[in-house]
C-alpha atoms as a PDB file:
ATOM      1  CA  MET A   1       0.007  22.962 -33.395  1.00  0.00           C
ATOM      2  CA  ASP A   2       2.960  25.368 -31.949  1.00  0.00           C
ATOM      3  CA  CYS A   3       4.837  25.442 -28.694  1.00  0.00           C
ATOM      4  CA  ARG A   4       2.317  27.654 -27.119  1.00  0.00           C
ATOM      5  CA  GLU A   5      -0.625  26.086 -28.198  1.00  0.00           C
ATOM      6  CA  VAL A   6       0.677  23.093 -26.487  1.00  0.00           C
ATOM      7  CA  LYS A   7       1.942  24.863 -23.482  1.00  0.00           C
ATOM      8  CA  ALA A   8      -1.941  26.213 -23.579  1.00  0.00           C
ATOM      9  CA  LEU A   9      -3.204  22.297 -23.418  1.00  0.00           C
ATOM     10  CA  ILE A  10      -1.205  21.376 -20.691  1.00  0.00           C
ATOM     11  CA  ASP A  11      -2.081  24.304 -18.509  1.00  0.00           C
ATOM     12  CA  PHE A  12      -5.753  23.310 -19.384  1.00  0.00           C
ATOM     13  CA  TRP A  13      -5.141  19.437 -18.664  1.00  0.00           C
ATOM     14  CA  GLU A  14      -3.215  20.183 -15.430  1.00  0.00           C
ATOM     15  CA  LYS A  15      -6.385  22.119 -14.273  1.00  0.00           C
ATOM     16  CA  GLY A  16      -8.244  18.501 -14.164  1.00  0.00           C
ATOM     17  CA  LYS A  17      -9.770  18.991 -17.713  1.00  0.00           C
ATOM     18  CA  ASP A  18      -9.915  15.979 -19.785  1.00  0.00           C
ATOM     19  CA  LEU A  19      -7.819  16.246 -23.196  1.00  0.00           C
ATOM     20  CA  SER A  20     -10.158  15.538 -26.670  1.00  0.00           C
ATOM     21  CA  PRO A  21      -8.769  12.424 -29.157  1.00  0.00           C
ATOM     22  CA  LEU A  22      -7.807  15.185 -31.924  1.00  0.00           C
ATOM     23  CA  GLU A  23      -6.136  17.246 -28.629  1.00  0.00           C
ATOM     24  CA  LYS A  24      -3.873  13.481 -28.001  1.00  0.00           C
ATOM     25  CA  GLU A  25      -2.854  13.028 -31.460  1.00  0.00           C
ATOM     26  CA  SER A  26      -2.260  16.973 -31.656  1.00  0.00           C
ATOM     27  CA  LEU A  27      -0.215  17.097 -28.990  1.00  0.00           C
ATOM     28  CA  SER A  28       1.759  13.565 -30.069  1.00  0.00           C
ATOM     29  CA  SER A  29       2.636  14.727 -33.605  1.00  0.00           C
ATOM     30  CA  HIS A  30       4.540  17.831 -32.228  1.00  0.00           C
ATOM     31  CA  LEU A  31       5.686  16.394 -29.764  1.00  0.00           C
ATOM     32  CA  ARG A  32       7.312  13.652 -31.990  1.00  0.00           C
ATOM     33  CA  SER A  33       8.691  16.583 -34.392  1.00  0.00           C
ATOM     34  CA  CYS A  34       9.785  19.424 -31.342  1.00  0.00           C
ATOM     35  CA  GLU A  35      12.987  18.267 -29.411  1.00  0.00           C
ATOM     36  CA  SER A  36      12.488  20.855 -26.737  1.00  0.00           C
ATOM     37  CA  CYS A  37       8.841  20.649 -25.876  1.00  0.00           C
ATOM     38  CA  HIS A  38       9.542  16.760 -26.079  1.00  0.00           C
ATOM     39  CA  ILE A  39      12.193  17.583 -23.138  1.00  0.00           C
ATOM     40  CA  ARG A  40      10.397  19.812 -21.338  1.00  0.00           C
ATOM     41  CA  TYR A  41       7.128  17.822 -21.132  1.00  0.00           C
ATOM     42  CA  ARG A  42       8.468  13.910 -20.921  1.00  0.00           C
ATOM     43  CA  ALA A  43       7.778  13.206 -17.419  1.00  0.00           C
ATOM     44  CA  LEU A  44       4.031  14.405 -18.131  1.00  0.00           C
ATOM     45  CA  LEU A  45       3.090  12.306 -21.300  1.00  0.00           C
ATOM     46  CA  PRO A  46       2.364   9.412 -19.815  1.00  0.00           C
ATOM     47  CA  PHE A  47      -0.326  11.351 -17.916  1.00  0.00           C
ATOM     48  CA  LEU A  48      -1.390  13.475 -20.801  1.00  0.00           C
ATOM     49  CA  LEU A  49      -1.366  10.546 -23.480  1.00  0.00           C
ATOM     50  CA  GLY A  50      -1.956   7.572 -21.184  1.00  0.00           C
ATOM     51  CA  VAL A  51       0.804   5.014 -21.128  1.00  0.00           C
ATOM     52  CA  GLU A  52      -0.371   2.741 -24.171  1.00  0.00           C
ATOM     53  CA  GLU A  53      -0.056   5.995 -26.462  1.00  0.00           C
ATOM     54  CA  ALA A  54       3.039   7.505 -24.759  1.00  0.00           C
ATOM     55  CA  GLN A  55       5.477   4.402 -24.982  1.00  0.00           C
ATOM     56  CA  PRO A  56       6.430   5.134 -28.709  1.00  0.00           C
ATOM     57  CA  LEU A  57       7.677   8.892 -27.543  1.00  0.00           C
ATOM     58  CA  PHE A  58      10.194   7.118 -25.029  1.00  0.00           C
ATOM     59  CA  SER A  59      13.599   5.644 -26.207  1.00  0.00           C
ATOM     60  CA  GLU A  60      13.233   2.939 -22.891  1.00  0.00           C
ATOM     61  CA  PRO A  61      10.156   1.796 -20.814  1.00  0.00           C
ATOM     62  CA  VAL A  62       7.367   4.177 -19.650  1.00  0.00           C
ATOM     63  CA  PRO A  63       9.112   5.690 -16.418  1.00  0.00           C
ATOM     64  CA  ASP A  64       7.596   3.659 -12.907  1.00  0.00           C
ATOM     65  CA  ILE A  65       5.961   6.282 -11.226  1.00  0.00           C
ATOM     66  CA  ALA A  66       3.605   6.410 -14.545  1.00  0.00           C
ATOM     67  CA  LEU A  67       2.811   3.231 -14.222  1.00  0.00           C
ATOM     68  CA  SER A  68       2.048   3.713 -10.202  1.00  0.00           C
ATOM     69  CA  VAL A  69      -0.261   6.652 -11.185  1.00  0.00           C
ATOM     70  CA  MET A  70      -1.902   5.399 -13.977  1.00  0.00           C
ATOM     71  CA  ALA A  71      -3.170   2.430 -11.336  1.00  0.00           C
ATOM     72  CA  LYS A  72      -4.503   4.576  -9.466  1.00  0.00           C
ATOM     73  CA  ILE A  73      -6.362   6.512 -11.687  1.00  0.00           C
ATOM     74  CA  ARG A  74      -8.163   3.116 -13.033  1.00  0.00           C
ATOM     75  CA  SER A  75      -8.361   2.279  -9.471  1.00  0.00           C
ATOM     76  CA  GLU A  76     -10.862   5.083  -9.431  1.00  0.00           C
ATOM     77  CA  ALA A  77     -12.545   4.830 -12.207  1.00  0.00           C
ATOM     78  CA  LEU A  78     -13.434   1.618 -10.673  1.00  0.00           C
ATOM     79  CA  GLU A  79     -14.265   3.161  -7.208  1.00  0.00           C
ATOM     80  CA  ARG A  80     -16.783   5.750  -9.155  1.00  0.00           C
ATOM     81  CA  GLU A  81     -18.495   2.829 -10.722  1.00  0.00           C
ATOM     82  CA  LYS A  82     -19.429   0.240  -7.761  1.00  0.00           C
ATOM     83  CA  GLN A  83     -20.816   3.671  -6.200  1.00  0.00           C
ATOM     84  CA  SER A  84     -22.984   4.685  -9.585  1.00  0.00           C
ATOM     85  CA  LEU A  85     -24.714   0.839  -8.512  1.00  0.00           C
ATOM     86  CA  TRP A  86     -25.677   2.284  -5.650  1.00  0.00           C
ATOM     87  CA  LYS A  87     -27.195   5.662  -8.165  1.00  0.00           C
ATOM     88  CA  ARG A  88     -29.351   3.305 -10.698  1.00  0.00           C
ATOM     89  CA  PHE A  89     -30.752   0.994  -7.492  1.00  0.00           C
ATOM     90  CA  LEU A  90     -32.086   4.311  -6.090  1.00  0.00           C
ATOM     91  CA  VAL A  91     -33.816   4.841  -9.425  1.00  0.00           C
ATOM     92  CA  ALA A  92     -35.248   1.630  -9.649  1.00  0.00           C
ATOM     93  CA  LEU A  93     -36.285   1.735  -6.060  1.00  0.00           C
ATOM     94  CA  SER A  94     -38.127   5.003  -6.501  1.00  0.00           C
ATOM     95  CA  ARG A  95     -40.051   3.715  -9.285  1.00  0.00           C
ATOM     96  CA  TRP A  96     -41.205   0.675  -7.680  1.00  0.00           C
ATOM     97  CA  LEU A  97     -42.407   2.661  -4.522  1.00  0.00           C
ATOM     98  CA  ASN A  98     -44.630   4.313  -7.045  1.00  0.00           C
ATOM     99  CA  LEU A  99     -45.932   1.276  -8.782  1.00  0.00           C
ATOM    100  CA  GLY A 100     -49.313   2.077  -7.715  1.00  0.00           C
ATOM    101  CA  GLY A 101     -49.166   5.353  -9.760  1.00  0.00           C
ATOM    102  CA  THR A 102     -50.540   7.387  -6.790  1.00  0.00           C
ATOM    103  CA  THR A 103     -49.591   8.759  -3.542  1.00  0.00           C
ATOM    104  CA  GLY A 104     -52.095   7.421  -1.771  1.00  0.00           C
ATOM    105  CA  SER A 105     -51.534   3.608  -3.132  1.00  0.00           C
ATOM    106  CA  PHE A 106     -48.174   3.860  -1.173  1.00  0.00           C
ATOM    107  CA  SER A 107     -48.409   1.725   2.160  1.00  0.00           C
ATOM    108  CA  VAL A 108     -46.006   1.211   5.372  1.00  0.00           C
ATOM    109  CA  GLN A 109     -46.096  -2.991   4.044  1.00  0.00           C
ATOM    110  CA  LYS A 110     -44.886  -2.111   0.879  1.00  0.00           C
ATOM    111  CA  LEU A 111     -41.519   0.212   3.071  1.00  0.00           C
ATOM    112  CA  ALA A 112     -40.715  -3.020   5.183  1.00  0.00           C
ATOM    113  CA  PRO A 113     -39.262  -5.151   2.660  1.00  0.00           C
ATOM    114  CA  VAL A 114     -37.332  -1.785   1.366  1.00  0.00           C
ATOM    115  CA  PHE A 115     -36.136  -0.832   4.675  1.00  0.00           C
ATOM    116  CA  THR A 116     -34.729  -4.744   4.826  1.00  0.00           C
ATOM    117  CA  TRP A 117     -32.988  -4.947   1.830  1.00  0.00           C
ATOM    118  CA  GLY A 118     -31.740  -1.271   1.752  1.00  0.00           C
ATOM    119  CA  LEU A 119     -29.999  -2.619   5.390  1.00  0.00           C
ATOM    120  CA  VAL A 120     -28.874  -5.520   3.593  1.00  0.00           C
ATOM    121  CA  LEU A 121     -27.200  -3.844   0.062  1.00  0.00           C
ATOM    122  CA  LEU A 122     -25.875  -0.656   3.203  1.00  0.00           C
ATOM    123  CA  VAL A 123     -23.872  -3.050   4.854  1.00  0.00           C
ATOM    124  CA  GLY A 124     -22.601  -5.671   2.137  1.00  0.00           C
ATOM    125  CA  GLY A 125     -21.885  -3.023   0.074  1.00  0.00           C
ATOM    126  CA  SER A 126     -19.929  -1.403   2.336  1.00  0.00           C
ATOM    127  CA  LEU A 127     -18.065  -4.580   3.365  1.00  0.00           C
ATOM    128  CA  PHE A 128     -17.394  -5.996  -0.002  1.00  0.00           C
ATOM    129  CA  PHE A 129     -17.452  -2.764  -2.102  1.00  0.00           C
ATOM    130  CA  GLY A 130     -15.870   0.095   0.383  1.00  0.00           C
ATOM    131  CA  VAL A 131     -18.422   2.238  -1.410  1.00  0.00           C
ATOM    132  CA  LEU A 132     -18.740   4.542   2.187  1.00  0.00           C
ATOM    133  CA  PRO A 133     -14.985   4.552   2.913  1.00  0.00           C
ATOM    134  CA  GLY A 134     -14.817   7.240   5.645  1.00  0.00           C
ATOM    135  CA  ILE A 135     -18.469   7.786   6.700  1.00  0.00           C
ATOM    136  CA  PHE A 136     -17.706   7.634  10.346  1.00  0.00           C
ATOM    137  CA  THR A 137     -15.154   9.318  10.772  1.00  0.00           C
ATOM    138  CA  GLY A 138     -16.498  12.217   8.913  1.00  0.00           C
ATOM    139  CA  LYS A 139     -13.358  12.353   6.299  1.00  0.00           C
ATOM    140  CA  SER A 140     -13.288  12.959   2.956  1.00  0.00           C
ATOM    141  CA  SER A 141     -12.786   9.687   0.980  1.00  0.00           C
ATOM    142  CA  ASP A 142     -10.958  11.867  -1.995  1.00  0.00           C
ATOM    143  CA  GLU A 143      -8.585  13.524  -0.140  1.00  0.00           C
ATOM    144  CA  VAL A 144      -5.778  13.269   2.128  1.00  0.00           C
ATOM    145  CA  THR A 145      -3.371  15.505   4.249  1.00  0.00           C
ATOM    146  CA  VAL A 146      -0.168  16.066   2.637  1.00  0.00           C
ATOM    147  CA  ARG A 147       2.734  17.451   4.712  1.00  0.00           C
ATOM    148  CA  PHE A 148       5.450  19.162   3.225  1.00  0.00           C
ATOM    149  CA  THR A 149       9.020  20.055   4.418  1.00  0.00           C
ATOM    150  CA  LEU A 150      12.092  21.858   3.676  1.00  0.00           C
ATOM    151  CA  GLU A 151      15.180  22.458   6.125  1.00  0.00           C
ATOM    152  CA  GLN A 152      16.547  26.250   5.405  1.00  0.00           C
ATOM    153  CA  VAL A 153      17.992  26.764   8.813  1.00  0.00           C
ATOM    154  CA  ASN A 154      19.232  30.496   7.190  1.00  0.00           C
ATOM    155  CA  ALA A 155      15.570  31.146   5.558  1.00  0.00           C
ATOM    156  CA  ARG A 156      13.873  34.390   6.450  1.00  0.00           C
ATOM    157  CA  THR A 157      10.688  33.178   4.706  1.00  0.00           C
ATOM    158  CA  VAL A 158       9.619  29.754   3.003  1.00  0.00           C
ATOM    159  CA  GLY A 159       6.829  29.583   0.813  1.00  0.00           C
ATOM    160  CA  LEU A 160       4.844  26.318  -0.832  1.00  0.00           C
ATOM    161  CA  VAL A 161       3.464  27.266  -4.929  1.00  0.00           C
ATOM    162  CA  GLY A 162       2.077  24.649  -6.973  1.00  0.00           C
ATOM    163  CA  ASP A 163      -0.615  23.643  -9.527  1.00  0.00           C
ATOM    164  CA  PHE A 164      -3.190  22.955  -6.716  1.00  0.00           C
ATOM    165  CA  SER A 165      -3.170  27.272  -5.496  1.00  0.00           C
ATOM    166  CA  ASP A 166      -2.844  28.287  -9.192  1.00  0.00           C
ATOM    167  CA  TRP A 167       0.674  28.957  -8.008  1.00  0.00           C
ATOM    168  CA  LYS A 168      -0.603  31.251  -5.510  1.00  0.00           C
ATOM    169  CA  THR A 169       2.041  31.322  -2.271  1.00  0.00           C
ATOM    170  CA  TYR A 170       1.340  29.040   1.122  1.00  0.00           C
ATOM    171  CA  PRO A 171       3.470  30.461   3.679  1.00  0.00           C
ATOM    172  CA  LEU A 172       5.637  27.742   5.723  1.00  0.00           C
ATOM    173  CA  GLN A 173       6.242  27.444   9.747  1.00  0.00           C
ATOM    174  CA  LYS A 174       9.160  27.573  11.446  1.00  0.00           C
ATOM    175  CA  VAL A 175       9.521  24.213  13.206  1.00  0.00           C
ATOM    176  CA  GLY A 176      13.021  23.931  15.066  1.00  0.00           C
ATOM    177  CA  ASP A 177      15.518  23.493  12.228  1.00  0.00           C
ATOM    178  CA  HIS A 178      12.907  23.084   9.376  1.00  0.00           C
ATOM    179  CA  TRP A 179       9.861  25.104   7.365  1.00  0.00           C
ATOM    180  CA  GLU A 180       6.690  22.812   7.186  1.00  0.00           C
ATOM    181  CA  ILE A 181       3.035  22.843   6.019  1.00  0.00           C
ATOM    182  CA  GLN A 182      -0.331  20.742   5.803  1.00  0.00           C
ATOM    183  CA  ILE A 183      -2.777  20.818   2.740  1.00  0.00           C
ATOM    184  CA  LYS A 184      -5.242  18.931   1.854  1.00  0.00           C
ATOM    185  CA  LEU A 185      -5.147  17.546  -2.220  1.00  0.00           C
ATOM    186  CA  LYS A 186      -7.123  15.016  -3.757  1.00  0.00           C
ATOM    187  CA  LYS A 187      -5.557  11.743  -4.283  1.00  0.00           C
ATOM    188  CA  GLY A 188      -5.214  10.144  -7.709  1.00  0.00           C
ATOM    189  CA  ARG A 189      -3.496  13.389  -9.396  1.00  0.00           C
ATOM    190  CA  VAL A 190      -0.339  14.294 -10.129  1.00  0.00           C
ATOM    191  CA  TYR A 191       0.948  18.070  -8.626  1.00  0.00           C
ATOM    192  CA  THR A 192       3.395  19.811  -9.840  1.00  0.00           C
ATOM    193  CA  TYR A 193       5.175  22.529  -6.974  1.00  0.00           C
ATOM    194  CA  ASN A 194       8.048  24.510  -5.941  1.00  0.00           C
ATOM    195  CA  PHE A 195       9.007  25.922  -2.515  1.00  0.00           C
ATOM    196  CA  VAL A 196      10.017  29.497  -2.818  1.00  0.00           C
ATOM    197  CA  VAL A 197      12.958  31.250  -0.276  1.00  0.00           C
ATOM    198  CA  ASP A 198      12.804  34.626   1.118  1.00  0.00           C
ATOM    199  CA  GLY A 199      10.349  35.178  -1.695  1.00  0.00           C
ATOM    200  CA  GLU A 200      12.533  34.799  -4.815  1.00  0.00           C
ATOM    201  CA  HIS A 201      14.521  31.690  -5.005  1.00  0.00           C
ATOM    202  CA  TRP A 202      12.600  28.470  -6.265  1.00  0.00           C
ATOM    203  CA  VAL A 203      13.906  25.535  -4.680  1.00  0.00           C
ATOM    204  CA  PRO A 204      12.396  22.174  -5.659  1.00  0.00           C
ATOM    205  CA  ASP A 205      12.149  19.591  -3.431  1.00  0.00           C
ATOM    206  CA  PRO A 206      15.132  17.758  -2.604  1.00  0.00           C
ATOM    207  CA  LYS A 207      13.298  15.112  -0.882  1.00  0.00           C
ATOM    208  CA  ILE A 208      11.379  13.962  -4.374  1.00  0.00           C
ATOM    209  CA  PRO A 209      13.383  12.923  -7.192  1.00  0.00           C
ATOM    210  CA  PHE A 210      10.872  13.543 -10.024  1.00  0.00           C
ATOM    211  CA  ARG A 211      10.973  16.919 -11.562  1.00  0.00           C
ATOM    212  CA  VAL A 212       9.597  18.837 -14.595  1.00  0.00           C
ATOM    213  CA  GLU A 213      10.733  21.706 -16.606  1.00  0.00           C
ATOM    214  CA  ASP A 214       9.001  24.839 -15.238  1.00  0.00           C
ATOM    215  CA  GLY A 215       9.022  26.752 -18.513  1.00  0.00           C
ATOM    216  CA  PHE A 216      11.250  29.495 -17.306  1.00  0.00           C
ATOM    217  CA  GLY A 217      14.333  27.431 -17.403  1.00  0.00           C
ATOM    218  CA  GLY A 218      14.206  25.766 -13.931  1.00  0.00           C
ATOM    219  CA  GLU A 219      12.319  22.626 -12.357  1.00  0.00           C
ATOM    220  CA  ALA A 220       9.617  21.831 -10.698  1.00  0.00           C
ATOM    221  CA  THR A 221       8.703  19.403  -8.150  1.00  0.00           C
ATOM    222  CA  LEU A 222       6.305  15.956  -9.700  1.00  0.00           C
ATOM    223  CA  LEU A 223       4.061  14.736  -6.774  1.00  0.00           C
ATOM    224  CA  GLN A 224       2.059  11.731  -7.154  1.00  0.00           C
ATOM    225  CA  LEU A 225      -1.028  10.966  -4.752  1.00  0.00           C
END
């Protein structure tokens, strides 16, 4: 695997695709031998390979941000597993309702315990497992509104670009002495972004200390949700 293949693989991963064990092994091998790629993608290694697999590539402990994000990812996985319990219940329920083998055998008496237990499971699940977050508010449980701001008093225009927009520019609005924009992003992910001042100057977010090389000699801001 050469440097171009590594970049293509990481671009593939940033679009939400999972890496296969073979791809992870090839990537890890290349990063051990290529100092340039190791420096460029170092901040992403715990997310690309997993904390345990990435640890040998670090001379010091894996950064806290990686551990925090991986904990969030594991939490999301557990949440999906809880929701799958409901799917299995519904499948079993549909089979039970059709035990008679024909539509004619279906009866109102059969529905009474179903509604009772369904109500119990619905309330119990929402209280103990939180499988219905945001159902009464109408808000998506896997998204959060993020407010991006930049203080550039003398700027004529300010835009926001990132992997969440395929690096297309979102224009910011000037509010007082700063520029701002609010967008919705999915939780449990790591994003890279920058501001673009006056259409040509790429500026990392000064409020966020985590950076990664952008592949063009500059830096991009690293954001965890």
